[in-house]
Protein backbone atom coordinates (compact mmCIF):
# COMPACT_ATOMS: atom_id res chain seq x y z
CA UNK A 1 21.28 17.23 13.28
CA UNK A 2 18.39 17.11 10.68
CA UNK A 3 15.09 15.39 11.25
CA UNK A 4 14.31 12.84 8.63
CA UNK A 5 10.82 11.57 7.99
CA UNK A 6 10.13 7.87 6.54
CA UNK A 7 7.96 4.81 7.17
CA UNK A 8 9.29 1.39 8.21
CA UNK A 9 6.57 -1.23 6.81
CA UNK A 10 6.20 -4.09 9.04
CA UNK A 11 6.00 -7.59 7.57
CA UNK A 12 2.78 -9.58 8.14
CA UNK A 13 1.20 -7.15 10.58
CA UNK A 14 -1.93 -5.43 9.93
CA UNK A 15 -2.33 -3.45 13.22
CA UNK A 16 -0.03 -2.57 15.97
CA UNK A 17 -1.52 -3.50 19.47
CA UNK A 18 -1.32 -1.14 22.47
CA UNK A 19 1.14 -3.82 23.93
CA UNK A 20 3.29 -3.96 20.71
CA UNK A 21 3.38 -0.02 20.66
CA UNK A 22 4.72 -0.20 24.33
CA UNK A 23 7.19 -2.59 23.16
CA UNK A 24 8.40 -0.09 20.41
CA UNK A 25 8.68 2.77 22.83
CA UNK A 26 10.57 0.81 25.11
CA UNK A 27 12.91 -0.33 22.15
CA UNK A 28 13.66 3.44 21.62
CA UNK A 29 10.91 4.09 19.08
CA UNK A 30 9.58 7.20 20.91
CA UNK A 31 9.90 9.18 17.85
CA UNK A 32 7.76 6.73 15.75
CA UNK A 33 3.88 6.62 15.41
CA UNK A 34 2.38 3.21 14.55
CA UNK A 35 -0.26 3.31 11.71
CA UNK A 36 -2.49 0.88 10.25
CA UNK A 37 -4.67 0.83 6.96
CA UNK A 38 -6.14 -1.59 4.48
CA UNK A 39 -4.38 -4.35 6.61
CA UNK A 40 -0.86 -3.09 6.41
CA UNK A 41 0.95 -1.67 9.54
CA UNK A 42 3.87 0.58 9.44
CA UNK A 43 5.62 2.89 11.84
CA UNK A 44 6.01 6.80 10.77
CA UNK A 45 9.32 8.20 12.02
CA UNK A 46 10.64 11.82 12.44
CA UNK A 47 13.99 10.93 13.50
CA UNK A 48 16.97 13.17 14.27
CA UNK A 49 20.20 12.03 13.13
CA UNK A 50 23.42 13.24 11.32
CA UNK A 51 22.50 11.22 8.06
CA UNK A 52 19.26 9.61 6.41
CA UNK A 53 21.21 6.09 6.47
CA UNK A 54 21.88 6.50 10.36
CA UNK A 55 18.36 7.37 10.83
CA UNK A 56 16.86 4.51 9.01
CA UNK A 57 19.46 2.03 10.18
CA UNK A 58 18.87 2.85 14.07
CA UNK A 59 15.12 2.93 13.49
CA UNK A 60 15.14 -0.57 11.75
CA UNK A 61 17.33 -2.12 14.34
CA UNK A 62 15.02 -0.61 17.10
CA UNK A 63 11.77 -2.01 15.40
CA UNK A 64 13.49 -5.55 15.19
CA UNK A 65 14.36 -5.34 19.00
CA UNK A 66 10.65 -4.68 19.62
CA UNK A 67 10.04 -8.13 17.76
CA UNK A 68 8.77 -7.29 14.44
CA UNK A 69 10.09 -8.08 10.87
CA UNK A 70 10.63 -4.94 8.51
CA UNK A 71 9.12 -5.37 5.05
CA UNK A 72 10.56 -2.35 3.68
CA UNK A 73 11.55 1.56 4.32
CA UNK A 74 9.58 4.21 2.51
CA UNK A 75 10.46 7.72 1.99
CA UNK A 76 7.83 10.47 1.60
CA UNK A 77 8.71 11.60 -1.90
CA UNK A 78 5.39 13.54 -2.45
CA UNK A 79 5.52 17.02 -1.60
CA UNK A 80 2.82 18.39 1.12
CA UNK A 81 2.09 21.33 -1.03
CA UNK A 82 2.12 21.71 -4.67
CA UNK A 83 2.82 25.04 -6.18
CA UNK A 84 1.96 26.04 -9.82
CA UNK A 85 -0.57 25.03 -12.37
């Protein structure tokens, strides 16, 4: 299996509370980290799966079980290191 990194952006949520984070963990999002900035909250996932589609579909389903509405999913397309001039 491969590890896929992506963010699940939450609709109408500016910050994930401790109780909500516990709910995410209980729903199976133990590979996700809740993040908030500038009034927008999301969960950064490092999810092992056989495909990117499987990783995203399972994460979104678990986020919904925890009581959130998903606004969008974002992939990190920017490289961590840029080589060259």
